[in-house]
Amino acid sequence: MTNTFKIKNQFLPRTFYSLAIIILLVSYEGCDNDPNPKTELEKLPPATQEGKNTFGCLVNGKAWVTKTSIDAVAFYQEGVFQLGAQIEEINREQGIGLAKSFGIEEGVLYDFIHTP
């Protein structure tokens, strides 16, 4: 009986310490220790004119970025320009859309914030 107790007693601390080390390493990996975290503006995809199928904007000062190109759509048809995107995650489903319903000219900058 004493031999069995010694074996169990020696096995238990090793197992406990091994599990404790694994748990500490895994929990440390989940920490965000970036000394220079990105600003909300830096989280947006770069602006392009090549049709790279990316979408991002600031909503109330927070970065709102789609994960895949399937989640964003833009088209111009019969004088209407429409832009839309969605984010679907666990416990989070959001969408954003924008439409301009008069002619759009190439090379003209449009202000969607101050348009009456």
PDB file of N, CA and C in Angstrom:
ATOM      1  N   MET A   1       0.821  -1.188   0.000  1.00  0.00           N
ATOM      2  CA  MET A   1       0.000   0.000   0.000  1.00  0.00           C
ATOM      3  C   MET A   1       0.868   1.256   0.000  1.00  0.00           C
ATOM      4  N   THR A   2       1.960   1.279   0.717  1.00  0.00           N
ATOM      5  CA  THR A   2       2.822   2.452   0.745  1.00  0.00           C
ATOM      6  C   THR A   2       3.504   2.678  -0.595  1.00  0.00           C
ATOM      7  N   ASN A   3       3.865   1.629  -1.324  1.00  0.00           N
ATOM      8  CA  ASN A   3       4.471   1.795  -2.647  1.00  0.00           C
ATOM      9  C   ASN A   3       3.497   2.453  -3.619  1.00  0.00           C
ATOM     10  N   THR A   4       2.256   2.035  -3.567  1.00  0.00           N
ATOM     11  CA  THR A   4       1.234   2.624  -4.435  1.00  0.00           C
ATOM     12  C   THR A   4       1.057   4.090  -4.097  1.00  0.00           C
ATOM     13  N   PHE A   5       1.055   4.421  -2.822  1.00  0.00           N
ATOM     14  CA  PHE A   5       0.891   5.813  -2.401  1.00  0.00           C
ATOM     15  C   PHE A   5       2.056   6.660  -2.884  1.00  0.00           C
ATOM     16  N   LYS A   6       3.282   6.152  -2.824  1.00  0.00           N
ATOM     17  CA  LYS A   6       4.452   6.899  -3.287  1.00  0.00           C
ATOM     18  C   LYS A   6       4.378   7.159  -4.790  1.00  0.00           C
ATOM     19  N   ILE A   7       3.977   6.161  -5.554  1.00  0.00           N
ATOM     20  CA  ILE A   7       3.891   6.328  -7.000  1.00  0.00           C
ATOM     21  C   ILE A   7       2.845   7.385  -7.343  1.00  0.00           C
ATOM     22  N   LYS A   8       1.679   7.313  -6.738  1.00  0.00           N
ATOM     23  CA  LYS A   8       0.632   8.299  -6.988  1.00  0.00           C
ATOM     24  C   LYS A   8       1.095   9.678  -6.542  1.00  0.00           C
ATOM     25  N   ASN A   9       1.757   9.738  -5.409  1.00  0.00           N
ATOM     26  CA  ASN A   9       2.217  11.014  -4.860  1.00  0.00           C
ATOM     27  C   ASN A   9       3.258  11.656  -5.767  1.00  0.00           C
ATOM     28  N   GLN A  10       4.145  10.867  -6.378  1.00  0.00           N
ATOM     29  CA  GLN A  10       5.150  11.420  -7.279  1.00  0.00           C
ATOM     30  C   GLN A  10       4.534  11.817  -8.613  1.00  0.00           C
ATOM     31  N   PHE A  11       3.534  11.071  -9.058  1.00  0.00           N
ATOM     32  CA  PHE A  11       2.894  11.341 -10.346  1.00  0.00           C
ATOM     33  C   PHE A  11       2.040  12.614 -10.293  1.00  0.00           C
ATOM     34  N   LEU A  12       1.354  12.824  -9.198  1.00  0.00           N
ATOM     35  CA  LEU A  12       0.443  13.958  -9.072  1.00  0.00           C
ATOM     36  C   LEU A  12       1.138  15.317  -9.214  1.00  0.00           C
ATOM     37  N   PRO A  13       2.258  15.595  -8.520  1.00  0.00           N
ATOM     38  CA  PRO A  13       2.898  16.901  -8.688  1.00  0.00           C
ATOM     39  C   PRO A  13       3.388  17.148 -10.108  1.00  0.00           C
ATOM     40  N   ARG A  14       3.944  16.125 -10.761  1.00  0.00           N
ATOM     41  CA  ARG A  14       4.419  16.305 -12.135  1.00  0.00           C
ATOM     42  C   ARG A  14       3.253  16.650 -13.066  1.00  0.00           C
ATOM     43  N   THR A  15       2.171  15.939 -12.918  1.00  0.00           N
ATOM     44  CA  THR A  15       0.997  16.191 -13.751  1.00  0.00           C
ATOM     45  C   THR A  15       0.452  17.590 -13.471  1.00  0.00           C
ATOM     46  N   PHE A  16       0.363  17.941 -12.219  1.00  0.00           N
ATOM     47  CA  PHE A  16      -0.156  19.256 -11.840  1.00  0.00           C
ATOM     48  C   PHE A  16       0.707  20.373 -12.414  1.00  0.00           C
ATOM     49  N   TYR A  17       2.014  20.263 -12.252  1.00  0.00           N
ATOM     50  CA  TYR A  17       2.910  21.305 -12.755  1.00  0.00           C
ATOM     51  C   TYR A  17       2.901  21.363 -14.285  1.00  0.00           C
ATOM     52  N   SER A  18       2.841  20.201 -14.928  1.00  0.00           N
ATOM     53  CA  SER A  18       2.778  20.185 -16.398  1.00  0.00           C
ATOM     54  C   SER A  18       1.517  20.872 -16.893  1.00  0.00           C
ATOM     55  N   LEU A  19       0.388  20.541 -16.281  1.00  0.00           N
ATOM     56  CA  LEU A  19      -0.871  21.177 -16.674  1.00  0.00           C
ATOM     57  C   LEU A  19      -0.847  22.682 -16.380  1.00  0.00           C
ATOM     58  N   ALA A  20      -0.297  23.059 -15.257  1.00  0.00           N
ATOM     59  CA  ALA A  20      -0.218  24.485 -14.904  1.00  0.00           C
ATOM     60  C   ALA A  20       0.622  25.254 -15.914  1.00  0.00           C
ATOM     61  N   ILE A  21       1.734  24.676 -16.339  1.00  0.00           N
ATOM     62  CA  ILE A  21       2.598  25.337 -17.330  1.00  0.00           C
ATOM     63  C   ILE A  21       1.884  25.452 -18.665  1.00  0.00           C
ATOM     64  N   ILE A  22       1.201  24.389 -19.081  1.00  0.00           N
ATOM     65  CA  ILE A  22       0.463  24.434 -20.353  1.00  0.00           C
ATOM     66  C   ILE A  22      -0.626  25.503 -20.302  1.00  0.00           C
ATOM     67  N   ILE A  23      -1.362  25.557 -19.218  1.00  0.00           N
ATOM     68  CA  ILE A  23      -2.430  26.562 -19.078  1.00  0.00           C
ATOM     69  C   ILE A  23      -1.848  27.972 -19.102  1.00  0.00           C
ATOM     70  N   LEU A  24      -0.742  28.192 -18.432  1.00  0.00           N
ATOM     71  CA  LEU A  24      -0.115  29.513 -18.437  1.00  0.00           C
ATOM     72  C   LEU A  24       0.357  29.908 -19.834  1.00  0.00           C
ATOM     73  N   LEU A  25       0.962  28.975 -20.551  1.00  0.00           N
ATOM     74  CA  LEU A  25       1.442  29.275 -21.907  1.00  0.00           C
ATOM     75  C   LEU A  25       0.291  29.581 -22.848  1.00  0.00           C
ATOM     76  N   VAL A  26      -0.771  28.798 -22.760  1.00  0.00           N
ATOM     77  CA  VAL A  26      -1.926  29.030 -23.633  1.00  0.00           C
ATOM     78  C   VAL A  26      -2.589  30.365 -23.296  1.00  0.00           C
ATOM     79  N   SER A  27      -2.738  30.683 -22.025  1.00  0.00           N
ATOM     80  CA  SER A  27      -3.375  31.952 -21.662  1.00  0.00           C
ATOM     81  C   SER A  27      -2.481  33.139 -22.023  1.00  0.00           C
ATOM     82  N   TYR A  28      -1.175  32.968 -21.983  1.00  0.00           N
ATOM     83  CA  TYR A  28      -0.262  34.046 -22.375  1.00  0.00           C
ATOM     84  C   TYR A  28      -0.361  34.327 -23.867  1.00  0.00           C
ATOM     85  N   GLU A  29      -0.530  33.274 -24.687  1.00  0.00           N
ATOM     86  CA  GLU A  29      -0.656  33.446 -26.132  1.00  0.00           C
ATOM     87  C   GLU A  29      -1.871  34.292 -26.477  1.00  0.00           C
ATOM     88  N   GLY A  30      -2.918  34.234 -25.663  1.00  0.00           N
ATOM     89  CA  GLY A  30      -4.137  34.989 -25.935  1.00  0.00           C
ATOM     90  C   GLY A  30      -4.022  36.460 -25.573  1.00  0.00           C
ATOM     91  N   CYS A  31      -2.973  36.866 -24.882  1.00  0.00           N
ATOM     92  CA  CYS A  31      -2.821  38.264 -24.474  1.00  0.00           C
ATOM     93  C   CYS A  31      -2.355  39.112 -25.649  1.00  0.00           C
ATOM     94  N   ASP A  32      -2.849  40.313 -25.708  1.00  0.00           N
ATOM     95  CA  ASP A  32      -2.430  41.244 -26.746  1.00  0.00           C
ATOM     96  C   ASP A  32      -1.407  42.183 -26.122  1.00  0.00           C
ATOM     97  N   ASN A  33      -0.143  41.852 -26.302  1.00  0.00           N
ATOM     98  CA  ASN A  33       0.928  42.636 -25.690  1.00  0.00           C
ATOM     99  C   ASN A  33       1.615  43.533 -26.695  1.00  0.00           C
ATOM    100  N   ASP A  34       0.916  43.932 -27.736  1.00  0.00           N
ATOM    101  CA  ASP A  34       1.508  44.773 -28.774  1.00  0.00           C
ATOM    102  C   ASP A  34       1.834  46.142 -28.173  1.00  0.00           C
ATOM    103  N   PRO A  35       3.106  46.528 -28.158  1.00  0.00           N
ATOM    104  CA  PRO A  35       3.463  47.820 -27.572  1.00  0.00           C
ATOM    105  C   PRO A  35       2.977  48.998 -28.418  1.00  0.00           C
ATOM    106  N   ASN A  36       2.692  48.753 -29.709  1.00  0.00           N
ATOM    107  CA  ASN A  36       2.199  49.802 -30.603  1.00  0.00           C
ATOM    108  C   ASN A  36       0.908  49.350 -31.269  1.00  0.00           C
ATOM    109  N   PRO A  37      -0.200  49.336 -30.520  1.00  0.00           N
ATOM    110  CA  PRO A  37      -1.453  48.875 -31.124  1.00  0.00           C
ATOM    111  C   PRO A  37      -1.885  49.801 -32.253  1.00  0.00           C
ATOM    112  N   LYS A  38      -2.568  49.230 -33.250  1.00  0.00           N
ATOM    113  CA  LYS A  38      -3.027  50.011 -34.392  1.00  0.00           C
ATOM    114  C   LYS A  38      -4.147  50.956 -33.987  1.00  0.00           C
ATOM    115  N   THR A  39      -4.155  52.123 -34.611  1.00  0.00           N
ATOM    116  CA  THR A  39      -5.277  53.043 -34.417  1.00  0.00           C
ATOM    117  C   THR A  39      -6.459  52.495 -35.210  1.00  0.00           C
ATOM    118  N   GLU A  40      -7.642  53.005 -34.951  1.00  0.00           N
ATOM    119  CA  GLU A  40      -8.819  52.554 -35.681  1.00  0.00           C
ATOM    120  C   GLU A  40      -8.655  52.819 -37.180  1.00  0.00           C
ATOM    121  N   LEU A  41      -8.046  53.939 -37.544  1.00  0.00           N
ATOM    122  CA  LEU A  41      -7.832  54.274 -38.946  1.00  0.00           C
ATOM    123  C   LEU A  41      -6.844  53.299 -39.598  1.00  0.00           C
ATOM    124  N   GLU A  42      -5.832  52.869 -38.854  1.00  0.00           N
ATOM    125  CA  GLU A  42      -4.839  51.920 -39.379  1.00  0.00           C
ATOM    126  C   GLU A  42      -5.414  50.516 -39.563  1.00  0.00           C
ATOM    127  N   LYS A  43      -6.544  50.219 -38.917  1.00  0.00           N
ATOM    128  CA  LYS A  43      -7.181  48.912 -39.054  1.00  0.00           C
ATOM    129  C   LYS A  43      -7.939  48.778 -40.380  1.00  0.00           C
ATOM    130  N   LEU A  44      -8.175  49.897 -41.073  1.00  0.00           N
ATOM    131  CA  LEU A  44      -8.893  49.866 -42.339  1.00  0.00           C
ATOM    132  C   LEU A  44      -8.001  49.331 -43.448  1.00  0.00           C
ATOM    133  N   PRO A  45      -8.595  48.663 -44.443  1.00  0.00           N
ATOM    134  CA  PRO A  45      -7.774  48.208 -45.575  1.00  0.00           C
ATOM    135  C   PRO A  45      -7.299  49.418 -46.367  1.00  0.00           C
ATOM    136  N   PRO A  46      -6.178  49.291 -47.074  1.00  0.00           N
ATOM    137  CA  PRO A  46      -5.678  50.434 -47.838  1.00  0.00           C
ATOM    138  C   PRO A  46      -6.654  50.824 -48.955  1.00  0.00           C
ATOM    139  N   ALA A  47      -6.728  52.106 -49.233  1.00  0.00           N
ATOM    140  CA  ALA A  47      -7.571  52.604 -50.330  1.00  0.00           C
ATOM    141  C   ALA A  47      -6.965  52.157 -51.649  1.00  0.00           C
ATOM    142  N   THR A  48      -7.809  51.667 -52.552  1.00  0.00           N
ATOM    143  CA  THR A  48      -7.334  51.217 -53.857  1.00  0.00           C
ATOM    144  C   THR A  48      -8.252  51.732 -54.955  1.00  0.00           C
ATOM    145  N   GLN A  49      -7.781  51.668 -56.160  1.00  0.00           N
ATOM    146  CA  GLN A  49      -8.604  51.962 -57.329  1.00  0.00           C
ATOM    147  C   GLN A  49      -8.504  50.801 -58.314  1.00  0.00           C
ATOM    148  N   GLU A  50      -8.091  49.639 -57.820  1.00  0.00           N
ATOM    149  CA  GLU A  50      -7.904  48.469 -58.672  1.00  0.00           C
ATOM    150  C   GLU A  50      -9.000  47.433 -58.509  1.00  0.00           C
ATOM    151  N   GLY A  51     -10.020  47.678 -57.708  1.00  0.00           N
ATOM    152  CA  GLY A  51     -11.071  46.686 -57.520  1.00  0.00           C
ATOM    153  C   GLY A  51     -10.609  45.472 -56.730  1.00  0.00           C
ATOM    154  N   LYS A  52      -9.987  45.683 -55.589  1.00  0.00           N
ATOM    155  CA  LYS A  52      -9.443  44.580 -54.780  1.00  0.00           C
ATOM    156  C   LYS A  52     -10.489  43.946 -53.865  1.00  0.00           C
ATOM    157  N   ASN A  53     -11.735  44.399 -53.985  1.00  0.00           N
ATOM    158  CA  ASN A  53     -12.847  43.823 -53.223  1.00  0.00           C
ATOM    159  C   ASN A  53     -12.637  43.869 -51.714  1.00  0.00           C
ATOM    160  N   THR A  54     -12.157  44.980 -51.218  1.00  0.00           N
ATOM    161  CA  THR A  54     -12.033  45.187 -49.776  1.00  0.00           C
ATOM    162  C   THR A  54     -13.030  46.263 -49.374  1.00  0.00           C
ATOM    163  N   PHE A  55     -13.400  46.269 -48.113  1.00  0.00           N
ATOM    164  CA  PHE A  55     -14.314  47.300 -47.620  1.00  0.00           C
ATOM    165  C   PHE A  55     -13.998  47.590 -46.168  1.00  0.00           C
ATOM    166  N   GLY A  56     -13.947  48.861 -45.841  1.00  0.00           N
ATOM    167  CA  GLY A  56     -13.756  49.276 -44.460  1.00  0.00           C
ATOM    168  C   GLY A  56     -14.131  50.733 -44.314  1.00  0.00           C
ATOM    169  N   CYS A  57     -14.624  51.088 -43.156  1.00  0.00           N
ATOM    170  CA  CYS A  57     -14.961  52.478 -42.864  1.00  0.00           C
ATOM    171  C   CYS A  57     -14.956  52.656 -41.353  1.00  0.00           C
ATOM    172  N   LEU A  58     -15.021  53.899 -40.924  1.00  0.00           N
ATOM    173  CA  LEU A  58     -15.137  54.195 -39.504  1.00  0.00           C
ATOM    174  C   LEU A  58     -16.609  54.436 -39.199  1.00  0.00           C
ATOM    175  N   VAL A  59     -17.124  53.764 -38.198  1.00  0.00           N
ATOM    176  CA  VAL A  59     -18.491  53.970 -37.732  1.00  0.00           C
ATOM    177  C   VAL A  59     -18.393  54.383 -36.268  1.00  0.00           C
ATOM    178  N   ASN A  60     -18.797  55.607 -36.007  1.00  0.00           N
ATOM    179  CA  ASN A  60     -18.670  56.171 -34.653  1.00  0.00           C
ATOM    180  C   ASN A  60     -17.234  56.058 -34.129  1.00  0.00           C
ATOM    181  N   GLY A  61     -16.278  56.265 -35.029  1.00  0.00           N
ATOM    182  CA  GLY A  61     -14.872  56.268 -34.653  1.00  0.00           C
ATOM    183  C   GLY A  61     -14.229  54.893 -34.553  1.00  0.00           C
ATOM    184  N   LYS A  62     -14.981  53.821 -34.799  1.00  0.00           N
ATOM    185  CA  LYS A  62     -14.453  52.451 -34.707  1.00  0.00           C
ATOM    186  C   LYS A  62     -14.332  51.855 -36.100  1.00  0.00           C
ATOM    187  N   ALA A  63     -13.265  51.095 -36.323  1.00  0.00           N
ATOM    188  CA  ALA A  63     -13.052  50.450 -37.618  1.00  0.00           C
ATOM    189  C   ALA A  63     -14.118  49.389 -37.845  1.00  0.00           C
ATOM    190  N   TRP A  64     -14.691  49.409 -39.037  1.00  0.00           N
ATOM    191  CA  TRP A  64     -15.714  48.449 -39.447  1.00  0.00           C
ATOM    192  C   TRP A  64     -15.217  47.854 -40.750  1.00  0.00           C
ATOM    193  N   VAL A  65     -14.741  46.605 -40.725  1.00  0.00           N
ATOM    194  CA  VAL A  65     -14.061  45.998 -41.867  1.00  0.00           C
ATOM    195  C   VAL A  65     -14.670  44.627 -42.149  1.00  0.00           C
ATOM    196  N   THR A  66     -14.982  44.364 -43.432  1.00  0.00           N
ATOM    197  CA  THR A  66     -15.475  43.043 -43.803  1.00  0.00           C
ATOM    198  C   THR A  66     -14.313  42.061 -43.839  1.00  0.00           C
ATOM    199  N   LYS A  67     -14.622  40.795 -43.648  1.00  0.00           N
ATOM    200  CA  LYS A  67     -13.585  39.755 -43.624  1.00  0.00           C
ATOM    201  C   LYS A  67     -13.277  39.208 -45.014  1.00  0.00           C
ATOM    202  N   THR A  68     -14.297  39.118 -45.880  1.00  0.00           N
ATOM    203  CA  THR A  68     -14.092  38.556 -47.211  1.00  0.00           C
ATOM    204  C   THR A  68     -14.701  39.472 -48.264  1.00  0.00           C
ATOM    205  N   SER A  69     -14.331  39.250 -49.513  1.00  0.00           N
ATOM    206  CA  SER A  69     -14.863  40.075 -50.602  1.00  0.00           C
ATOM    207  C   SER A  69     -16.337  39.788 -50.860  1.00  0.00           C
ATOM    208  N   ILE A  70     -16.836  38.656 -50.425  1.00  0.00           N
ATOM    209  CA  ILE A  70     -18.244  38.307 -50.615  1.00  0.00           C
ATOM    210  C   ILE A  70     -19.136  39.235 -49.789  1.00  0.00           C
ATOM    211  N   ASP A  71     -18.605  39.784 -48.724  1.00  0.00           N
ATOM    212  CA  ASP A  71     -19.394  40.596 -47.797  1.00  0.00           C
ATOM    213  C   ASP A  71     -19.590  42.037 -48.248  1.00  0.00           C
ATOM    214  N   ALA A  72     -19.078  42.418 -49.409  1.00  0.00           N
ATOM    215  CA  ALA A  72     -19.219  43.798 -49.876  1.00  0.00           C
ATOM    216  C   ALA A  72     -19.691  43.804 -51.328  1.00  0.00           C
ATOM    217  N   VAL A  73     -20.484  44.823 -51.671  1.00  0.00           N
ATOM    218  CA  VAL A  73     -20.983  44.941 -53.040  1.00  0.00           C
ATOM    219  C   VAL A  73     -21.047  46.418 -53.412  1.00  0.00           C
ATOM    220  N   ALA A  74     -20.742  46.699 -54.660  1.00  0.00           N
ATOM    221  CA  ALA A  74     -20.857  48.065 -55.177  1.00  0.00           C
ATOM    222  C   ALA A  74     -21.253  47.978 -56.643  1.00  0.00           C
ATOM    223  N   PHE A  75     -22.214  48.802 -57.039  1.00  0.00           N
ATOM    224  CA  PHE A  75     -22.586  48.829 -58.453  1.00  0.00           C
ATOM    225  C   PHE A  75     -23.237  50.155 -58.816  1.00  0.00           C
ATOM    226  N   TYR A  76     -23.219  50.435 -60.108  1.00  0.00           N
ATOM    227  CA  TYR A  76     -23.827  51.636 -60.677  1.00  0.00           C
ATOM    228  C   TYR A  76     -24.744  51.183 -61.803  1.00  0.00           C
ATOM    229  N   GLN A  77     -26.027  51.490 -61.659  1.00  0.00           N
ATOM    230  CA  GLN A  77     -26.996  51.039 -62.648  1.00  0.00           C
ATOM    231  C   GLN A  77     -28.119  52.059 -62.769  1.00  0.00           C
ATOM    232  N   GLU A  78     -28.430  52.472 -63.993  1.00  0.00           N
ATOM    233  CA  GLU A  78     -29.511  53.407 -64.287  1.00  0.00           C
ATOM    234  C   GLU A  78     -29.453  54.664 -63.410  1.00  0.00           C
ATOM    235  N   GLY A  79     -28.271  55.235 -63.307  1.00  0.00           N
ATOM    236  CA  GLY A  79     -28.105  56.491 -62.577  1.00  0.00           C
ATOM    237  C   GLY A  79     -28.047  56.365 -61.066  1.00  0.00           C
ATOM    238  N   VAL A  80     -28.003  55.151 -60.539  1.00  0.00           N
ATOM    239  CA  VAL A  80     -27.955  54.941 -59.084  1.00  0.00           C
ATOM    240  C   VAL A  80     -26.675  54.192 -58.730  1.00  0.00           C
ATOM    241  N   PHE A  81     -25.913  54.773 -57.819  1.00  0.00           N
ATOM    242  CA  PHE A  81     -24.716  54.123 -57.289  1.00  0.00           C
ATOM    243  C   PHE A  81     -25.074  53.563 -55.922  1.00  0.00           C
ATOM    244  N   GLN A  82     -24.805  52.280 -55.707  1.00  0.00           N
ATOM    245  CA  GLN A  82     -25.079  51.666 -54.409  1.00  0.00           C
ATOM    246  C   GLN A  82     -23.831  50.948 -53.907  1.00  0.00           C
ATOM    247  N   LEU A  83     -23.654  51.035 -52.612  1.00  0.00           N
ATOM    248  CA  LEU A  83     -22.519  50.405 -51.941  1.00  0.00           C
ATOM    249  C   LEU A  83     -23.058  49.781 -50.671  1.00  0.00           C
ATOM    250  N   GLY A  84     -22.713  48.552 -50.410  1.00  0.00           N
ATOM    251  CA  GLY A  84     -23.188  47.897 -49.198  1.00  0.00           C
ATOM    252  C   GLY A  84     -22.188  46.874 -48.698  1.00  0.00           C
ATOM    253  N   ALA A  85     -22.284  46.562 -47.427  1.00  0.00           N
ATOM    254  CA  ALA A  85     -21.400  45.569 -46.816  1.00  0.00           C
ATOM    255  C   ALA A  85     -22.086  44.986 -45.595  1.00  0.00           C
ATOM    256  N   GLN A  86     -21.639  43.811 -45.216  1.00  0.00           N
ATOM    257  CA  GLN A  86     -22.195  43.177 -44.021  1.00  0.00           C
ATOM    258  C   GLN A  86     -21.113  42.438 -43.262  1.00  0.00           C
ATOM    259  N   ILE A  87     -21.346  42.284 -41.973  1.00  0.00           N
ATOM    260  CA  ILE A  87     -20.472  41.496 -41.109  1.00  0.00           C
ATOM    261  C   ILE A  87     -21.365  40.505 -40.387  1.00  0.00           C
ATOM    262  N   GLU A  88     -21.058  39.224 -40.536  1.00  0.00           N
ATOM    263  CA  GLU A  88     -21.796  38.178 -39.841  1.00  0.00           C
ATOM    264  C   GLU A  88     -20.813  37.362 -39.022  1.00  0.00           C
ATOM    265  N   GLU A  89     -20.954  37.452 -37.727  1.00  0.00           N
ATOM    266  CA  GLU A  89     -20.134  36.678 -36.801  1.00  0.00           C
ATOM    267  C   GLU A  89     -21.043  36.140 -35.718  1.00  0.00           C
ATOM    268  N   ILE A  90     -20.504  35.339 -34.846  1.00  0.00           N
ATOM    269  CA  ILE A  90     -21.292  34.832 -33.723  1.00  0.00           C
ATOM    270  C   ILE A  90     -21.744  36.024 -32.885  1.00  0.00           C
ATOM    271  N   ASN A  91     -23.028  36.115 -32.632  1.00  0.00           N
ATOM    272  CA  ASN A  91     -23.645  37.186 -31.832  1.00  0.00           C
ATOM    273  C   ASN A  91     -23.458  38.572 -32.439  1.00  0.00           C
ATOM    274  N   ARG A  92     -23.170  38.648 -33.743  1.00  0.00           N
ATOM    275  CA  ARG A  92     -22.983  39.966 -34.361  1.00  0.00           C
ATOM    276  C   ARG A  92     -23.346  39.878 -35.840  1.00  0.00           C
ATOM    277  N   GLU A  93     -24.388  40.573 -36.219  1.00  0.00           N
ATOM    278  CA  GLU A  93     -24.757  40.662 -37.623  1.00  0.00           C
ATOM    279  C   GLU A  93     -25.084  42.120 -37.903  1.00  0.00           C
ATOM    280  N   GLN A  94     -24.266  42.753 -38.716  1.00  0.00           N
ATOM    281  CA  GLN A  94     -24.421  44.167 -39.004  1.00  0.00           C
ATOM    282  C   GLN A  94     -24.318  44.415 -40.495  1.00  0.00           C
ATOM    283  N   GLY A  95     -24.972  45.465 -40.935  1.00  0.00           N
ATOM    284  CA  GLY A  95     -24.885  45.841 -42.333  1.00  0.00           C
ATOM    285  C   GLY A  95     -24.797  47.349 -42.465  1.00  0.00           C
ATOM    286  N   ILE A  96     -24.256  47.790 -43.573  1.00  0.00           N
ATOM    287  CA  ILE A  96     -24.131  49.213 -43.827  1.00  0.00           C
ATOM    288  C   ILE A  96     -24.380  49.422 -45.322  1.00  0.00           C
ATOM    289  N   GLY A  97     -25.050  50.508 -45.655  1.00  0.00           N
ATOM    290  CA  GLY A  97     -25.338  50.756 -47.057  1.00  0.00           C
ATOM    291  C   GLY A  97     -25.314  52.237 -47.373  1.00  0.00           C
ATOM    292  N   LEU A  98     -25.111  52.525 -48.649  1.00  0.00           N
ATOM    293  CA  LEU A  98     -25.024  53.898 -49.112  1.00  0.00           C
ATOM    294  C   LEU A  98     -25.526  53.920 -50.549  1.00  0.00           C
ATOM    295  N   ALA A  99     -26.345  54.890 -50.880  1.00  0.00           N
ATOM    296  CA  ALA A  99     -26.840  55.006 -52.253  1.00  0.00           C
ATOM    297  C   ALA A  99     -26.826  56.468 -52.672  1.00  0.00           C
ATOM    298  N   LYS A 100     -26.467  56.708 -53.897  1.00  0.00           N
ATOM    299  CA  LYS A 100     -26.495  58.048 -54.479  1.00  0.00           C
ATOM    300  C   LYS A 100     -27.317  57.914 -55.754  1.00  0.00           C
ATOM    301  N   SER A 101     -28.436  58.624 -55.793  1.00  0.00           N
ATOM    302  CA  SER A 101     -29.407  58.351 -56.845  1.00  0.00           C
ATOM    303  C   SER A 101     -29.425  59.363 -57.986  1.00  0.00           C
ATOM    304  N   PHE A 102     -28.330  60.034 -58.225  1.00  0.00           N
ATOM    305  CA  PHE A 102     -28.240  60.869 -59.418  1.00  0.00           C
ATOM    306  C   PHE A 102     -26.928  60.573 -60.110  1.00  0.00           C
ATOM    307  N   GLY A 103     -26.799  61.070 -61.313  1.00  0.00           N
ATOM    308  CA  GLY A 103     -25.631  60.741 -62.129  1.00  0.00           C
ATOM    309  C   GLY A 103     -24.308  60.948 -61.431  1.00  0.00           C
ATOM    310  N   ILE A 104     -23.404  60.063 -61.711  1.00  0.00           N
ATOM    311  CA  ILE A 104     -22.047  60.149 -61.166  1.00  0.00           C
ATOM    312  C   ILE A 104     -21.094  60.338 -62.340  1.00  0.00           C
ATOM    313  N   GLU A 105     -20.180  61.269 -62.173  1.00  0.00           N
ATOM    314  CA  GLU A 105     -19.214  61.548 -63.223  1.00  0.00           C
ATOM    315  C   GLU A 105     -17.837  61.047 -62.801  1.00  0.00           C
ATOM    316  N   GLU A 106     -17.120  60.522 -63.727  1.00  0.00           N
ATOM    317  CA  GLU A 106     -15.778  60.028 -63.457  1.00  0.00           C
ATOM    318  C   GLU A 106     -14.857  61.192 -63.128  1.00  0.00           C
ATOM    319  N   GLY A 107     -13.990  61.011 -62.140  1.00  0.00           N
ATOM    320  CA  GLY A 107     -13.018  62.029 -61.766  1.00  0.00           C
ATOM    321  C   GLY A 107     -13.552  63.085 -60.810  1.00  0.00           C
ATOM    322  N   VAL A 108     -14.823  62.998 -60.409  1.00  0.00           N
ATOM    323  CA  VAL A 108     -15.410  63.969 -59.492  1.00  0.00           C
ATOM    324  C   VAL A 108     -15.405  63.383 -58.083  1.00  0.00           C
ATOM    325  N   LEU A 109     -15.024  64.182 -57.088  1.00  0.00           N
ATOM    326  CA  LEU A 109     -15.019  63.763 -55.694  1.00  0.00           C
ATOM    327  C   LEU A 109     -16.372  64.098 -55.083  1.00  0.00           C
ATOM    328  N   TYR A 110     -17.036  63.113 -54.499  1.00  0.00           N
ATOM    329  CA  TYR A 110     -18.353  63.315 -53.905  1.00  0.00           C
ATOM    330  C   TYR A 110     -18.251  63.276 -52.387  1.00  0.00           C
ATOM    331  N   ASP A 111     -18.924  64.216 -51.751  1.00  0.00           N
ATOM    332  CA  ASP A 111     -18.935  64.336 -50.296  1.00  0.00           C
ATOM    333  C   ASP A 111     -20.232  63.700 -49.775  1.00  0.00           C
ATOM    334  N   PHE A 112     -20.128  62.513 -49.183  1.00  0.00           N
ATOM    335  CA  PHE A 112     -21.310  61.829 -48.661  1.00  0.00           C
ATOM    336  C   PHE A 112     -21.652  62.263 -47.240  1.00  0.00           C
ATOM    337  N   ILE A 113     -20.818  63.065 -46.641  1.00  0.00           N
ATOM    338  CA  ILE A 113     -21.078  63.517 -45.278  1.00  0.00           C
ATOM    339  C   ILE A 113     -21.934  64.790 -45.289  1.00  0.00           C
ATOM    340  N   HIS A 114     -21.579  65.739 -46.144  1.00  0.00           N
ATOM    341  CA  HIS A 114     -22.241  67.048 -46.140  1.00  0.00           C
ATOM    342  C   HIS A 114     -23.239  67.238 -47.271  1.00  0.00           C
ATOM    343  N   THR A 115     -23.625  66.175 -47.949  1.00  0.00           N
ATOM    344  CA  THR A 115     -24.579  66.296 -49.039  1.00  0.00           C
ATOM    345  C   THR A 115     -25.971  66.550 -48.472  1.00  0.00           C
ATOM    346  N   PRO A 116     -26.678  67.567 -49.007  1.00  0.00           N
ATOM    347  CA  PRO A 116     -28.029  67.854 -48.469  1.00  0.00           C
ATOM    348  C   PRO A 116     -29.023  66.768 -48.789  1.00  0.00           C
TER     349      PRO A 116
END
